[in-house]
């Protein structure tokens, strides 16, 4: 998608502090962190949101989820972390490209 900021980061058209990349995802530091460690886990395939997943996305999502613990360890979150997926405008999603917020580095308030 040509106007998607995350697609531009994935295609190296915009800079980002990338900390991990493989064939299906890229992980980079959030530019407006809400915790000492705040990274975004983004599929390379443009998927609008969690609500728009279909069976063709199954392998990508599984690989992302299965790698979250290793990514957390890589960024120093060996004591625990929080994952957040905002879905749709009402759910706080600001970029229309599915992404997982991986945060930690201090005690996080409960919900």
N, C-alpha and C. Protein backbone atom coordinates (compact mmCIF):
# COMPACT_ATOMS: atom_id res chain seq x y z
N UNK A 1 0.86 -1.17 0.00
CA UNK A 1 0.00 0.00 0.00
C UNK A 1 0.90 1.23 0.00
N UNK A 2 0.73 2.10 -0.94
CA UNK A 2 1.68 3.19 -1.17
C UNK A 2 1.68 4.28 -0.12
N UNK A 3 0.56 4.52 0.57
CA UNK A 3 0.53 5.61 1.54
C UNK A 3 0.66 5.12 2.99
N UNK A 4 0.94 3.85 3.19
CA UNK A 4 1.05 3.28 4.53
C UNK A 4 2.45 3.51 5.09
N UNK A 5 2.53 4.17 6.23
CA UNK A 5 3.82 4.48 6.84
C UNK A 5 4.59 3.21 7.19
N UNK A 6 3.91 2.16 7.64
CA UNK A 6 4.61 0.93 7.98
C UNK A 6 5.11 0.22 6.73
N UNK A 7 4.35 0.26 5.65
CA UNK A 7 4.84 -0.32 4.39
C UNK A 7 6.08 0.42 3.91
N UNK A 8 6.11 1.73 4.11
CA UNK A 8 7.28 2.51 3.71
C UNK A 8 8.49 2.15 4.56
N UNK A 9 8.29 1.88 5.84
CA UNK A 9 9.39 1.44 6.70
C UNK A 9 9.85 0.05 6.26
N UNK A 10 8.92 -0.85 6.00
CA UNK A 10 9.26 -2.20 5.55
C UNK A 10 10.06 -2.17 4.26
N UNK A 11 9.67 -1.27 3.34
CA UNK A 11 10.36 -1.15 2.04
C UNK A 11 11.59 -0.26 2.09
N UNK A 12 11.97 0.18 3.30
CA UNK A 12 13.15 1.01 3.52
C UNK A 12 13.04 2.38 2.84
N UNK A 13 11.82 2.85 2.66
CA UNK A 13 11.58 4.18 2.10
C UNK A 13 11.58 5.25 3.19
N UNK A 14 11.38 4.83 4.43
CA UNK A 14 11.43 5.70 5.60
C UNK A 14 12.35 5.05 6.63
N UNK A 15 13.10 5.88 7.37
CA UNK A 15 14.00 5.31 8.38
C UNK A 15 13.24 4.83 9.61
N UNK A 16 13.81 3.84 10.25
CA UNK A 16 13.29 3.34 11.52
C UNK A 16 14.43 2.64 12.24
N UNK A 17 14.34 2.58 13.54
CA UNK A 17 15.33 1.89 14.35
C UNK A 17 14.92 0.41 14.41
N UNK A 18 15.29 -0.34 13.36
CA UNK A 18 14.89 -1.74 13.22
C UNK A 18 15.77 -2.60 14.11
N UNK A 19 15.12 -3.45 14.91
CA UNK A 19 15.87 -4.31 15.83
C UNK A 19 15.79 -5.79 15.45
N UNK A 20 14.85 -6.12 14.55
CA UNK A 20 14.71 -7.50 14.09
C UNK A 20 13.95 -7.50 12.78
N UNK A 21 14.34 -8.42 11.91
CA UNK A 21 13.63 -8.58 10.64
C UNK A 21 13.80 -10.00 10.15
N UNK A 22 12.74 -10.56 9.61
CA UNK A 22 12.83 -11.86 8.95
C UNK A 22 11.94 -11.81 7.71
N UNK A 23 11.63 -12.95 7.16
CA UNK A 23 10.88 -12.99 5.90
C UNK A 23 9.43 -12.51 6.03
N UNK A 24 8.86 -12.52 7.23
CA UNK A 24 7.45 -12.14 7.34
C UNK A 24 7.18 -10.92 8.21
N UNK A 25 8.18 -10.44 8.96
CA UNK A 25 7.91 -9.31 9.86
C UNK A 25 9.14 -8.43 10.04
N UNK A 26 8.87 -7.25 10.54
CA UNK A 26 9.92 -6.31 10.93
C UNK A 26 9.54 -5.77 12.31
N UNK A 27 10.56 -5.55 13.13
CA UNK A 27 10.35 -5.03 14.49
C UNK A 27 11.20 -3.79 14.64
N UNK A 28 10.56 -2.70 15.07
CA UNK A 28 11.30 -1.45 15.24
C UNK A 28 10.77 -0.69 16.45
N UNK A 29 11.61 0.23 16.94
CA UNK A 29 11.25 1.02 18.12
C UNK A 29 10.14 1.99 17.77
N UNK A 30 9.18 2.11 18.70
CA UNK A 30 8.09 3.07 18.54
C UNK A 30 8.65 4.48 18.71
N UNK A 31 8.23 5.41 17.87
CA UNK A 31 8.75 6.78 17.96
C UNK A 31 8.09 7.59 19.09
N UNK A 32 7.00 7.05 19.65
CA UNK A 32 6.34 7.68 20.79
C UNK A 32 6.16 6.62 21.89
N UNK A 33 7.27 6.18 22.51
CA UNK A 33 7.19 5.07 23.46
C UNK A 33 6.35 5.40 24.68
N UNK A 34 5.61 4.38 25.14
CA UNK A 34 4.78 4.50 26.33
C UNK A 34 5.41 3.80 27.53
N UNK A 35 6.60 3.23 27.33
CA UNK A 35 7.34 2.53 28.38
C UNK A 35 8.83 2.58 27.99
N UNK A 36 9.73 2.26 28.93
CA UNK A 36 11.16 2.28 28.59
C UNK A 36 11.50 1.43 27.36
N UNK A 37 10.82 0.30 27.20
CA UNK A 37 10.97 -0.52 26.00
C UNK A 37 9.61 -0.56 25.32
N UNK A 38 9.57 -0.12 24.07
CA UNK A 38 8.32 -0.12 23.31
C UNK A 38 8.67 -0.31 21.84
N UNK A 39 8.42 -1.52 21.36
CA UNK A 39 8.69 -1.83 19.96
C UNK A 39 7.40 -2.26 19.27
N UNK A 40 7.39 -2.13 17.96
CA UNK A 40 6.26 -2.55 17.15
C UNK A 40 6.66 -3.76 16.33
N UNK A 41 5.83 -4.77 16.35
CA UNK A 41 6.03 -6.00 15.58
C UNK A 41 5.02 -5.93 14.43
N UNK A 42 5.53 -5.81 13.20
CA UNK A 42 4.69 -5.50 12.05
C UNK A 42 4.87 -6.55 10.96
N UNK A 43 3.77 -7.14 10.47
CA UNK A 43 3.92 -8.08 9.37
C UNK A 43 4.34 -7.34 8.09
N UNK A 44 5.17 -7.96 7.29
CA UNK A 44 5.56 -7.34 6.02
C UNK A 44 4.37 -7.30 5.06
N UNK A 45 3.50 -8.27 5.16
CA UNK A 45 2.29 -8.26 4.36
C UNK A 45 1.36 -7.19 4.91
N UNK A 46 0.82 -6.37 4.04
CA UNK A 46 -0.11 -5.33 4.49
C UNK A 46 -1.45 -5.97 4.86
N UNK A 47 -1.71 -5.98 6.16
CA UNK A 47 -2.99 -6.45 6.70
C UNK A 47 -3.54 -5.26 7.47
N UNK A 48 -4.73 -4.83 7.15
CA UNK A 48 -5.28 -3.60 7.72
C UNK A 48 -5.41 -3.66 9.24
N UNK A 49 -5.97 -4.75 9.75
CA UNK A 49 -6.18 -4.84 11.20
C UNK A 49 -6.47 -6.29 11.58
N UNK A 50 -6.50 -6.53 12.86
CA UNK A 50 -6.85 -7.85 13.38
C UNK A 50 -8.24 -8.27 12.88
N UNK A 51 -9.14 -7.30 12.75
CA UNK A 51 -10.50 -7.59 12.31
C UNK A 51 -10.56 -7.99 10.83
N UNK A 52 -9.50 -7.74 10.09
CA UNK A 52 -9.49 -8.03 8.65
C UNK A 52 -8.66 -9.27 8.31
N UNK A 53 -8.26 -10.04 9.31
CA UNK A 53 -7.50 -11.26 9.05
C UNK A 53 -8.36 -12.26 8.28
N UNK A 54 -7.69 -13.05 7.45
CA UNK A 54 -8.37 -14.16 6.79
C UNK A 54 -7.45 -15.38 6.83
N UNK A 55 -7.90 -16.49 6.33
CA UNK A 55 -7.13 -17.73 6.43
C UNK A 55 -5.77 -17.64 5.74
N UNK A 56 -5.62 -16.77 4.75
CA UNK A 56 -4.33 -16.60 4.07
C UNK A 56 -3.28 -15.94 4.97
N UNK A 57 -3.72 -15.34 6.07
CA UNK A 57 -2.81 -14.65 7.00
C UNK A 57 -2.35 -15.54 8.14
N UNK A 58 -2.85 -16.74 8.21
CA UNK A 58 -2.62 -17.63 9.34
C UNK A 58 -1.14 -17.86 9.62
N UNK A 59 -0.34 -18.18 8.62
CA UNK A 59 1.08 -18.47 8.84
C UNK A 59 1.85 -17.24 9.31
N UNK A 60 1.53 -16.08 8.75
CA UNK A 60 2.22 -14.84 9.14
C UNK A 60 1.93 -14.53 10.61
N UNK A 61 0.67 -14.60 10.99
CA UNK A 61 0.29 -14.28 12.36
C UNK A 61 0.88 -15.30 13.33
N UNK A 62 0.87 -16.55 12.97
CA UNK A 62 1.46 -17.58 13.83
C UNK A 62 2.95 -17.32 14.03
N UNK A 63 3.66 -17.00 12.97
CA UNK A 63 5.10 -16.73 13.09
C UNK A 63 5.35 -15.51 13.97
N UNK A 64 4.55 -14.47 13.80
CA UNK A 64 4.70 -13.28 14.65
C UNK A 64 4.51 -13.63 16.12
N UNK A 65 3.42 -14.33 16.43
CA UNK A 65 3.12 -14.67 17.82
C UNK A 65 4.18 -15.59 18.42
N UNK A 66 4.63 -16.55 17.64
CA UNK A 66 5.62 -17.50 18.13
C UNK A 66 6.98 -16.84 18.40
N UNK A 67 7.24 -15.70 17.77
CA UNK A 67 8.53 -15.01 17.93
C UNK A 67 8.50 -13.91 19.00
N UNK A 68 7.34 -13.61 19.55
CA UNK A 68 7.25 -12.51 20.51
C UNK A 68 8.17 -12.70 21.73
N UNK A 69 8.24 -13.89 22.28
CA UNK A 69 9.10 -14.12 23.45
C UNK A 69 10.57 -13.91 23.12
N UNK A 70 11.00 -14.38 21.97
CA UNK A 70 12.40 -14.20 21.55
C UNK A 70 12.70 -12.73 21.31
N UNK A 71 11.76 -12.02 20.72
CA UNK A 71 11.95 -10.58 20.49
C UNK A 71 12.01 -9.86 21.83
N UNK A 72 11.13 -10.21 22.76
CA UNK A 72 11.14 -9.60 24.09
C UNK A 72 12.48 -9.82 24.77
N UNK A 73 13.00 -11.03 24.67
CA UNK A 73 14.31 -11.34 25.25
C UNK A 73 15.40 -10.48 24.60
N UNK A 74 15.33 -10.34 23.29
CA UNK A 74 16.33 -9.56 22.53
C UNK A 74 16.37 -8.09 22.98
N UNK A 75 15.20 -7.53 23.33
CA UNK A 75 15.16 -6.13 23.74
C UNK A 75 15.26 -5.96 25.26
N UNK A 76 15.58 -7.03 25.97
CA UNK A 76 15.84 -6.93 27.40
C UNK A 76 14.64 -7.11 28.30
N UNK A 77 13.58 -7.70 27.79
CA UNK A 77 12.37 -7.89 28.60
C UNK A 77 12.27 -9.32 29.11
N UNK A 78 13.33 -9.78 29.78
CA UNK A 78 13.35 -11.15 30.28
C UNK A 78 12.47 -11.34 31.52
N UNK A 79 12.06 -10.23 32.14
CA UNK A 79 11.24 -10.29 33.35
C UNK A 79 9.74 -10.22 33.06
N UNK A 80 9.39 -10.07 31.81
CA UNK A 80 7.98 -9.97 31.43
C UNK A 80 7.72 -8.82 30.49
N UNK A 81 6.59 -8.87 29.82
CA UNK A 81 6.24 -7.84 28.84
C UNK A 81 4.74 -7.83 28.63
N UNK A 82 4.28 -6.79 27.98
CA UNK A 82 2.87 -6.68 27.61
C UNK A 82 2.78 -6.57 26.09
N UNK A 83 1.76 -7.21 25.53
CA UNK A 83 1.48 -7.06 24.11
C UNK A 83 0.10 -6.42 23.97
N UNK A 84 0.00 -5.51 22.99
CA UNK A 84 -1.26 -4.82 22.74
C UNK A 84 -1.47 -4.78 21.23
N UNK A 85 -2.67 -5.13 20.81
CA UNK A 85 -3.05 -4.98 19.41
C UNK A 85 -4.30 -4.11 19.39
N UNK A 86 -4.13 -2.86 19.01
CA UNK A 86 -5.27 -1.96 18.86
C UNK A 86 -5.95 -2.29 17.53
N UNK A 87 -7.27 -2.37 17.53
CA UNK A 87 -8.00 -2.77 16.34
C UNK A 87 -9.09 -1.76 16.01
N UNK A 88 -8.96 -1.12 14.87
CA UNK A 88 -9.93 -0.13 14.42
C UNK A 88 -9.81 1.18 15.16
N UNK A 89 -10.44 2.20 14.61
CA UNK A 89 -10.38 3.54 15.22
C UNK A 89 -10.89 3.53 16.66
N UNK A 90 -11.99 2.81 16.90
CA UNK A 90 -12.56 2.74 18.25
C UNK A 90 -11.67 2.01 19.23
N UNK A 91 -10.76 1.18 18.73
CA UNK A 91 -9.82 0.45 19.57
C UNK A 91 -8.48 1.14 19.70
N UNK A 92 -8.37 2.34 19.15
CA UNK A 92 -7.14 3.11 19.28
C UNK A 92 -6.11 2.88 18.19
N UNK A 93 -6.47 2.17 17.13
CA UNK A 93 -5.52 1.92 16.04
C UNK A 93 -5.32 3.21 15.25
N UNK A 94 -4.06 3.67 15.15
CA UNK A 94 -3.75 4.91 14.46
C UNK A 94 -3.19 4.68 13.06
N UNK A 95 -2.56 3.54 12.83
CA UNK A 95 -2.02 3.20 11.51
C UNK A 95 -2.77 1.98 11.01
N UNK A 96 -3.33 2.09 9.82
CA UNK A 96 -4.12 0.99 9.26
C UNK A 96 -3.22 -0.09 8.66
N UNK A 97 -2.41 -0.68 9.52
CA UNK A 97 -1.55 -1.82 9.20
C UNK A 97 -1.40 -2.55 10.53
N UNK A 98 -1.85 -3.78 10.57
CA UNK A 98 -1.78 -4.57 11.80
C UNK A 98 -0.40 -4.48 12.42
N UNK A 99 -0.35 -4.29 13.73
CA UNK A 99 0.92 -4.27 14.46
C UNK A 99 0.68 -4.62 15.92
N UNK A 100 1.70 -5.21 16.51
CA UNK A 100 1.66 -5.59 17.92
C UNK A 100 2.61 -4.68 18.68
N UNK A 101 2.11 -4.01 19.69
CA UNK A 101 2.96 -3.23 20.59
C UNK A 101 3.54 -4.21 21.60
N UNK A 102 4.83 -4.23 21.74
CA UNK A 102 5.52 -5.05 22.74
C UNK A 102 6.19 -4.07 23.69
N UNK A 103 5.71 -4.02 24.94
CA UNK A 103 6.20 -3.00 25.87
C UNK A 103 6.60 -3.61 27.21
N UNK A 104 7.46 -2.88 27.91
CA UNK A 104 7.90 -3.29 29.23
C UNK A 104 9.06 -2.43 29.69
N UNK A 105 9.79 -2.96 30.66
CA UNK A 105 10.95 -2.23 31.17
C UNK A 105 10.67 -1.53 32.48
N UNK A 106 9.45 -1.57 32.94
CA UNK A 106 9.04 -1.04 34.25
C UNK A 106 7.72 -1.69 34.59
N UNK A 107 7.33 -1.67 35.86
CA UNK A 107 6.01 -2.21 36.21
C UNK A 107 4.91 -1.44 35.45
N UNK A 108 4.02 -2.19 34.83
CA UNK A 108 2.96 -1.58 34.03
C UNK A 108 1.64 -1.64 34.80
N UNK A 109 0.86 -0.57 34.74
CA UNK A 109 -0.43 -0.57 35.47
C UNK A 109 -1.38 -1.60 34.90
N UNK A 110 -2.24 -2.11 35.75
CA UNK A 110 -3.25 -3.06 35.31
C UNK A 110 -4.38 -2.35 34.59
N UNK A 111 -5.29 -3.14 34.08
CA UNK A 111 -6.44 -2.57 33.37
C UNK A 111 -7.64 -2.54 34.27
